[in-house]
């Protein structure tokens, strides 16, 4: 029995060794020319080429020639300048000198905030293009480093033998926000979330003393999309009234009876305060720092009813964000509508008392 087991293990090892040997034999030797830059610097293009070299080597589908060997050949032939060897014939000739079977060449261009990577794999012997890959990316330039990974995968599996995925590059302002994708912790921004299946995802960010509205984002196969999360600063605001227990409304949202205390996002909000037997108060609440606001209400006269509500008041959208504080959790209000942001709001104040009344 032991002898049979030994023979079986020997057969498995031999099969594994043969498969590895065959895989290595199938590997093509590939040389990579520096990407031709358009809209970016030559140094930046060289950095991206080095990343492409690294990512292509990781796939283990090719034996990739060292970049130093490629540069030595170009220097010997007087082709080290950018743009000196862009024709397929020249690329193939460099491949001959490197004893490479295939050569990878191409460029990267920029138009506005969009980058385009276009590559072609040339068979040295026939001087024919055997693989082409194009990738479009919108976002900050450092995100191109992750694009090189996507390009390397496409070059290694041109027939689509691996699942097609997309990626998100998430940037927060300020940096360092904790990023959650579908409520699962993903890391600190800036961060690139790779190998995501196409579809909709919920993106959320957390940072102490800041708040950010959750976003629904779309992942597209073969694309890296940059998501910029602009966070809003929270300030601690305390609002009191004399007398107390007045109804407080901020931006159309009922905040309960005074005194009120809690974190509020930076911005300008319309405030309203009402109390039976007193004139209603309306004004602007400017939140740009931690502050305390005291409102003294005026007692209503018998000639003017108290508590009248103004008609035609607009409703403003609000978002409640839970903000942890010592001893519990308080609600934070997030920003007014875009239309009202552009509108200068004036303090309305209290109406004057009738003649003969103090």
Protein backbone atom coordinates (compact mmCIF):
# COMPACT_ATOMS: atom_id res chain seq x y z
CA UNK A 1 0.00 0.00 0.00
CA UNK A 2 2.81 2.39 0.91
CA UNK A 3 4.54 1.59 -2.40
CA UNK A 4 1.39 2.45 -4.37
CA UNK A 5 1.02 5.73 -2.47
CA UNK A 6 4.67 6.57 -3.20
CA UNK A 7 4.19 5.90 -6.91
CA UNK A 8 1.04 8.04 -6.95
CA UNK A 9 2.82 10.97 -5.30
CA UNK A 10 5.72 10.66 -7.72
CA UNK A 11 3.30 10.77 -10.64
CA UNK A 12 1.60 13.91 -9.29
CA UNK A 13 4.96 15.64 -8.80
CA UNK A 14 6.05 14.70 -12.33
CA UNK A 15 2.78 16.01 -13.77
CA UNK A 16 3.17 19.29 -11.87
CA UNK A 17 6.79 19.68 -12.99
CA UNK A 18 5.88 19.05 -16.64
CA UNK A 19 3.01 21.57 -16.49
CA UNK A 20 5.34 24.23 -15.04
CA UNK A 21 7.97 23.50 -17.69
CA UNK A 22 5.40 23.73 -20.50
CA UNK A 23 4.06 26.98 -19.11
CA UNK A 24 7.54 28.44 -19.06
CA UNK A 25 8.13 27.26 -22.62
CA UNK A 26 4.97 29.01 -23.77
CA UNK A 27 6.13 32.32 -22.33
CA UNK A 28 7.11 34.91 -24.94
CA UNK A 29 10.13 37.13 -24.43
CA UNK A 30 8.88 40.71 -24.50
CA UNK A 31 10.74 44.00 -24.59
CA UNK A 32 9.03 47.28 -23.64
CA UNK A 33 9.81 50.68 -25.11
CA UNK A 34 9.15 53.79 -23.03
CA UNK A 35 5.64 55.14 -23.55
CA UNK A 36 5.53 58.16 -25.83
CA UNK A 37 4.15 61.13 -23.83
CA UNK A 38 1.56 63.65 -25.02
CA UNK A 39 0.30 66.14 -22.47
CA UNK A 40 2.52 64.69 -19.73
CA UNK A 41 6.27 64.90 -19.17
CA UNK A 42 8.81 62.37 -20.45
CA UNK A 43 9.79 61.62 -16.85
CA UNK A 44 6.19 60.83 -15.92
CA UNK A 45 5.90 58.59 -18.98
CA UNK A 46 9.08 56.77 -17.91
CA UNK A 47 7.62 56.18 -14.42
CA UNK A 48 4.45 54.74 -15.93
CA UNK A 49 6.50 52.51 -18.25
CA UNK A 50 8.38 51.11 -15.25
CA UNK A 51 5.09 50.37 -13.51
CA UNK A 52 3.81 48.63 -16.66
CA UNK A 53 7.00 46.55 -16.76
CA UNK A 54 6.44 45.52 -13.13
CA UNK A 55 2.75 44.68 -13.57
CA UNK A 56 3.36 42.71 -16.78
CA UNK A 57 6.08 40.66 -15.04
CA UNK A 58 3.68 39.83 -12.19
CA UNK A 59 1.25 38.13 -14.58
CA UNK A 60 3.91 35.46 -15.35
CA UNK A 61 2.62 35.29 -18.91
CA UNK A 62 5.79 36.78 -20.41
CA UNK A 63 9.53 36.86 -19.85
CA UNK A 64 9.98 40.62 -19.76
CA UNK A 65 13.35 42.08 -20.76
CA UNK A 66 14.89 44.38 -18.17
CA UNK A 67 14.37 48.08 -18.93
CA UNK A 68 18.09 48.73 -18.49
CA UNK A 69 18.86 46.32 -21.37
CA UNK A 70 16.33 48.10 -23.60
CA UNK A 71 17.83 51.49 -22.77
CA UNK A 72 21.36 50.22 -23.52
CA UNK A 73 20.28 49.10 -27.00
CA UNK A 74 18.53 52.39 -27.69
CA UNK A 75 21.60 54.31 -26.56
CA UNK A 76 23.89 52.24 -28.78
CA UNK A 77 21.63 52.87 -31.77
CA UNK A 78 21.21 56.57 -31.00
CA UNK A 79 17.46 56.12 -30.41
CA UNK A 80 17.25 57.17 -26.77
CA UNK A 81 15.39 60.40 -27.53
CA UNK A 82 11.59 60.41 -27.22
CA UNK A 83 9.92 59.87 -30.57
CA UNK A 84 13.07 58.44 -32.20
CA UNK A 85 11.64 54.92 -32.58
CA UNK A 86 7.88 54.89 -33.06
CA UNK A 87 7.48 53.06 -36.39
CA UNK A 88 6.75 49.34 -36.19
CA UNK A 89 9.83 48.55 -38.29
CA UNK A 90 12.11 50.37 -35.85
CA UNK A 91 10.42 48.71 -32.87
CA UNK A 92 10.90 45.27 -34.45
CA UNK A 93 14.57 46.01 -35.15
CA UNK A 94 15.14 46.89 -31.50
CA UNK A 95 13.44 43.60 -30.63
CA UNK A 96 15.90 41.74 -32.87
CA UNK A 97 18.83 43.30 -31.05
CA UNK A 98 17.27 42.28 -27.72
CA UNK A 99 16.55 38.71 -28.94
CA UNK A 100 12.93 39.36 -27.99
CA UNK A 101 10.03 37.61 -29.70
CA UNK A 102 7.56 40.43 -29.14
CA UNK A 103 7.94 44.16 -28.50
CA UNK A 104 5.49 46.42 -26.68
CA UNK A 105 5.22 50.05 -27.78
CA UNK A 106 2.67 52.84 -27.56
CA UNK A 107 1.89 56.12 -25.88
CA UNK A 108 -0.14 57.95 -23.31
CA UNK A 109 -1.96 61.20 -24.02
CA UNK A 110 -3.93 63.73 -22.04
CA UNK A 111 -6.88 65.89 -23.09
CA UNK A 112 -8.19 68.01 -20.22
CA UNK A 113 -8.79 65.64 -17.31
CA UNK A 114 -8.95 62.50 -19.49
CA UNK A 115 -5.99 60.22 -20.20
CA UNK A 116 -5.73 57.72 -23.03
CA UNK A 117 -3.32 54.77 -23.06
CA UNK A 118 -2.83 53.04 -26.43
CA UNK A 119 -0.46 50.08 -26.73
CA UNK A 120 0.43 47.56 -29.44
CA UNK A 121 2.33 44.28 -29.20
CA UNK A 122 4.47 43.61 -32.27
CA UNK A 123 5.78 40.21 -33.33
CA UNK A 124 9.46 40.83 -34.06
CA UNK A 125 9.85 38.16 -36.74
CA UNK A 126 6.84 39.13 -38.88
CA UNK A 127 6.71 42.79 -37.77
CA UNK A 128 2.95 42.42 -37.42
CA UNK A 129 0.77 43.73 -34.60
CA UNK A 130 -0.57 40.77 -32.61
CA UNK A 131 -2.31 42.54 -29.68
CA UNK A 132 -3.69 46.04 -29.18
CA UNK A 133 -4.94 47.53 -25.91
CA UNK A 134 -6.59 50.91 -25.29
CA UNK A 135 -7.58 52.30 -21.91
CA UNK A 136 -9.31 55.57 -21.01
CA UNK A 137 -9.05 57.07 -17.54
CA UNK A 138 -10.62 60.19 -16.00
CA UNK A 139 -9.16 61.50 -12.75
CA UNK A 140 -5.98 62.67 -11.10
CA UNK A 141 -2.70 61.78 -12.72
CA UNK A 142 -1.39 59.50 -9.97
CA UNK A 143 -4.31 57.18 -10.69
CA UNK A 144 -2.53 56.19 -13.91
CA UNK A 145 -0.29 53.90 -11.86
CA UNK A 146 -3.31 51.66 -11.26
CA UNK A 147 -4.27 51.91 -14.93
CA UNK A 148 -0.98 50.16 -15.76
CA UNK A 149 -2.20 47.15 -13.82
CA UNK A 150 -5.39 46.99 -15.87
CA UNK A 151 -3.42 47.33 -19.11
CA UNK A 152 -1.03 44.54 -18.09
CA UNK A 153 -3.96 42.22 -17.41
CA UNK A 154 -5.48 42.93 -20.82
CA UNK A 155 -2.14 42.29 -22.52
CA UNK A 156 -1.74 38.99 -20.68
CA UNK A 157 -5.29 37.76 -21.30
CA UNK A 158 -6.29 39.31 -24.65
CA UNK A 159 -9.00 36.72 -25.26
CA UNK A 160 -10.86 37.68 -22.08
CA UNK A 161 -10.00 34.47 -20.25
CA UNK A 162 -10.30 36.28 -16.90
CA UNK A 163 -13.36 38.06 -15.48
CA UNK A 164 -13.68 41.66 -16.64
CA UNK A 165 -13.65 44.06 -13.71
CA UNK A 166 -13.37 47.75 -13.02
CA UNK A 167 -11.90 49.94 -10.30
CA UNK A 168 -12.58 53.10 -8.27
CA UNK A 169 -9.98 55.61 -7.13
CA UNK A 170 -11.41 57.44 -4.12
CA UNK A 171 -10.01 60.80 -3.03
CA UNK A 172 -11.32 62.78 -0.04
CA UNK A 173 -10.93 66.45 0.81
CA UNK A 174 -9.48 66.61 3.39
CA UNK A 175 -7.38 63.46 2.97
CA UNK A 176 -7.41 60.56 5.38
CA UNK A 177 -11.14 59.84 5.50
CA UNK A 178 -12.18 56.26 6.27
CA UNK A 179 -13.80 54.82 3.16
CA UNK A 180 -16.64 52.30 3.25
CA UNK A 181 -17.84 50.42 0.14
CA UNK A 182 -21.26 48.83 0.59
CA UNK A 183 -20.77 49.41 4.34
CA UNK A 184 -17.51 47.42 4.40
CA UNK A 185 -14.33 49.21 5.50
CA UNK A 186 -12.01 49.67 2.52
CA UNK A 187 -9.18 51.82 3.95
CA UNK A 188 -8.09 55.45 4.10
CA UNK A 189 -8.37 57.91 1.20
CA UNK A 190 -6.75 58.32 -1.23
CA UNK A 191 -7.26 54.67 -2.14
CA UNK A 192 -7.80 52.59 -5.28
CA UNK A 193 -10.39 49.81 -5.04
CA UNK A 194 -9.55 47.26 -7.73
CA UNK A 195 -11.09 44.06 -9.13
CA UNK A 196 -14.68 45.26 -8.66
CA UNK A 197 -17.41 43.58 -10.65
CA UNK A 198 -19.50 45.97 -12.79
CA UNK A 199 -22.53 47.45 -11.05
CA UNK A 200 -23.72 49.97 -8.47
CA UNK A 201 -21.96 50.49 -5.15
CA UNK A 202 -22.64 52.69 -2.12
CA UNK A 203 -19.63 54.79 -1.14
CA UNK A 204 -19.39 56.45 2.26
CA UNK A 205 -16.67 58.40 4.09
CA UNK A 206 -16.07 59.15 7.76
CA UNK A 207 -13.67 61.59 9.40
CA UNK A 208 -13.72 63.19 12.82
CA UNK A 209 -15.35 66.66 12.81
CA UNK A 210 -16.50 66.24 9.18
CA UNK A 211 -19.56 64.89 7.42
CA UNK A 212 -20.13 63.66 3.87
CA UNK A 213 -23.22 62.59 1.97
CA UNK A 214 -23.11 58.91 0.87
CA UNK A 215 -22.86 58.41 -2.90
CA UNK A 216 -24.03 55.73 -5.30
CA UNK A 217 -21.28 55.04 -7.84
CA UNK A 218 -21.13 52.87 -10.96
CA UNK A 219 -18.26 50.51 -11.71
CA UNK A 220 -17.69 49.93 -15.43
CA UNK A 221 -15.74 46.94 -16.70
CA UNK A 222 -12.25 47.86 -17.85
CA UNK A 223 -12.40 51.37 -16.40
CA UNK A 224 -10.91 53.17 -13.40
CA UNK A 225 -13.17 56.00 -12.28
CA UNK A 226 -12.04 58.65 -9.80
CA UNK A 227 -14.50 59.69 -7.11
CA UNK A 228 -13.86 62.98 -5.28
CA UNK A 229 -15.53 63.19 -1.87
CA UNK A 230 -15.82 66.78 -0.61
CA UNK A 231 -16.38 66.65 3.14
CA UNK A 232 -18.02 69.45 5.14
CA UNK A 233 -16.63 70.66 8.46
CA UNK A 234 -18.81 70.25 11.54
CA UNK A 235 -18.97 72.88 14.28
CA UNK A 236 -20.52 72.66 17.72
CA UNK A 237 -23.41 75.12 17.97
CA UNK A 238 -25.50 76.00 21.01
CA UNK A 239 -28.69 78.02 20.58
CA UNK A 240 -30.62 79.36 23.57
CA UNK A 241 -33.64 81.60 23.92
CA UNK A 242 -35.02 83.93 26.56
CA UNK A 243 -37.43 82.61 27.65
CA UNK A 244 -36.54 78.93 27.02
CA UNK A 245 -38.66 76.13 25.48
CA UNK A 246 -39.18 78.01 22.19
CA UNK A 247 -39.69 75.90 19.08
CA UNK A 248 -36.54 76.06 16.91
CA UNK A 249 -36.55 75.46 13.17
CA UNK A 250 -33.32 75.54 11.14
CA UNK A 251 -33.65 75.50 7.38
CA UNK A 252 -37.16 74.07 7.58
CA UNK A 253 -36.11 71.28 9.94
CA UNK A 254 -37.75 71.09 13.37
CA UNK A 255 -34.90 70.92 15.91
CA UNK A 256 -37.14 70.74 18.99
CA UNK A 257 -37.33 73.19 21.90
CA UNK A 258 -34.53 75.48 23.04
CA UNK A 259 -31.89 75.15 24.27
CA UNK A 260 -30.37 73.28 21.31
CA UNK A 261 -26.80 71.94 21.25
CA UNK A 262 -25.11 69.78 18.62
CA UNK A 263 -22.79 69.56 15.61
CA UNK A 264 -23.91 71.46 12.50
CA UNK A 265 -22.18 71.48 9.08
CA UNK A 266 -20.51 74.71 8.00
CA UNK A 267 -22.79 77.10 6.13
CA UNK A 268 -25.53 79.72 6.44
CA UNK A 269 -29.01 78.65 7.47
CA UNK A 270 -32.35 80.42 7.99
CA UNK A 271 -33.49 80.06 11.57
CA UNK A 272 -36.99 80.44 13.01
CA UNK A 273 -38.13 80.51 16.63
CA UNK A 274 -41.69 80.61 17.99
CA UNK A 275 -43.20 80.58 21.47
CA UNK A 276 -46.79 81.17 22.56
CA UNK A 277 -47.25 84.74 23.74
CA UNK A 278 -44.11 86.01 21.94
CA UNK A 279 -43.40 87.42 18.51
CA UNK A 280 -41.84 84.93 16.07
CA UNK A 281 -38.12 85.40 15.39
CA UNK A 282 -36.46 84.80 12.02
CA UNK A 283 -32.85 85.34 11.04
CA UNK A 284 -29.63 83.91 9.61
CA UNK A 285 -27.60 81.36 11.52
CA UNK A 286 -24.01 81.58 10.27
CA UNK A 287 -22.02 78.45 11.14
CA UNK A 288 -18.31 79.00 10.50
CA UNK A 289 -16.89 78.17 13.91
CA UNK A 290 -17.90 76.74 17.28
CA UNK A 291 -20.32 79.28 18.71
CA UNK A 292 -23.20 80.04 21.05
CA UNK A 293 -26.23 82.03 19.88
CA UNK A 294 -28.63 83.71 22.32
CA UNK A 295 -32.02 84.96 21.12
CA UNK A 296 -34.21 87.23 23.26
CA UNK A 297 -37.84 86.98 22.21
CA UNK A 298 -40.18 90.00 22.36
CA UNK A 299 -43.45 89.58 24.21
CA UNK A 300 -46.44 89.92 21.90
CA UNK A 301 -48.90 92.82 22.36
CA UNK A 302 -52.67 92.22 22.35
CA UNK A 303 -52.89 94.15 19.04
CA UNK A 304 -50.71 91.69 17.07
CA UNK A 305 -51.29 87.93 17.06
CA UNK A 306 -48.28 85.81 17.86
CA UNK A 307 -47.12 82.69 16.04
CA UNK A 308 -48.29 83.60 12.52
CA UNK A 309 -46.45 81.52 9.94
CA UNK A 310 -45.30 83.04 6.68
CA UNK A 311 -46.91 81.50 3.61
CA UNK A 312 -45.06 80.23 0.59
CA UNK A 313 -42.10 79.06 2.64
CA UNK A 314 -39.77 76.82 0.61
CA UNK A 315 -38.85 73.37 1.81
CA UNK A 316 -35.13 72.66 1.94
CA UNK A 317 -33.62 69.17 1.72
CA UNK A 318 -31.71 68.04 4.76
CA UNK A 319 -29.63 65.02 5.49
CA UNK A 320 -29.10 63.74 9.00
CA UNK A 321 -25.69 62.31 9.69
CA UNK A 322 -25.01 60.50 12.95
CA UNK A 323 -22.04 62.05 14.70
CA UNK A 324 -20.59 60.35 17.77
CA UNK A 325 -19.96 62.56 20.80
CA UNK A 326 -19.09 61.81 24.43
CA UNK A 327 -22.14 60.48 26.19
CA UNK A 328 -24.22 59.74 23.11
CA UNK A 329 -25.00 60.51 19.49
CA UNK A 330 -26.37 63.80 18.20
CA UNK A 331 -27.84 64.61 14.79
CA UNK A 332 -25.97 66.84 12.37
CA UNK A 333 -27.76 68.79 9.64
CA UNK A 334 -26.19 68.83 6.19
CA UNK A 335 -26.35 71.87 3.97
CA UNK A 336 -29.18 73.71 2.27
CA UNK A 337 -30.29 73.47 -1.37
CA UNK A 338 -28.01 74.66 -4.16
CA UNK A 339 -30.55 77.27 -5.24
CA UNK A 340 -30.74 78.79 -1.78
CA UNK A 341 -26.93 78.77 -1.42
CA UNK A 342 -26.68 81.32 -4.21
CA UNK A 343 -29.32 83.56 -2.66
CA UNK A 344 -28.36 86.25 -0.15
CA UNK A 345 -30.55 85.81 2.92
CA UNK A 346 -31.29 88.88 5.02
CA UNK A 347 -32.15 88.96 8.71
CA UNK A 348 -35.87 89.59 9.01
CA UNK A 349 -36.04 90.48 12.70
CA UNK A 350 -39.12 91.29 14.83
CA UNK A 351 -41.89 93.70 13.72
CA UNK A 352 -42.07 97.00 15.67
CA UNK A 353 -44.49 97.35 18.56
CA UNK A 354 -47.68 99.38 17.94
CA UNK A 355 -47.71 102.98 19.05
CA UNK A 356 -48.22 103.40 22.75
CA UNK A 357 -46.68 100.02 23.58
CA UNK A 358 -43.20 99.64 25.02
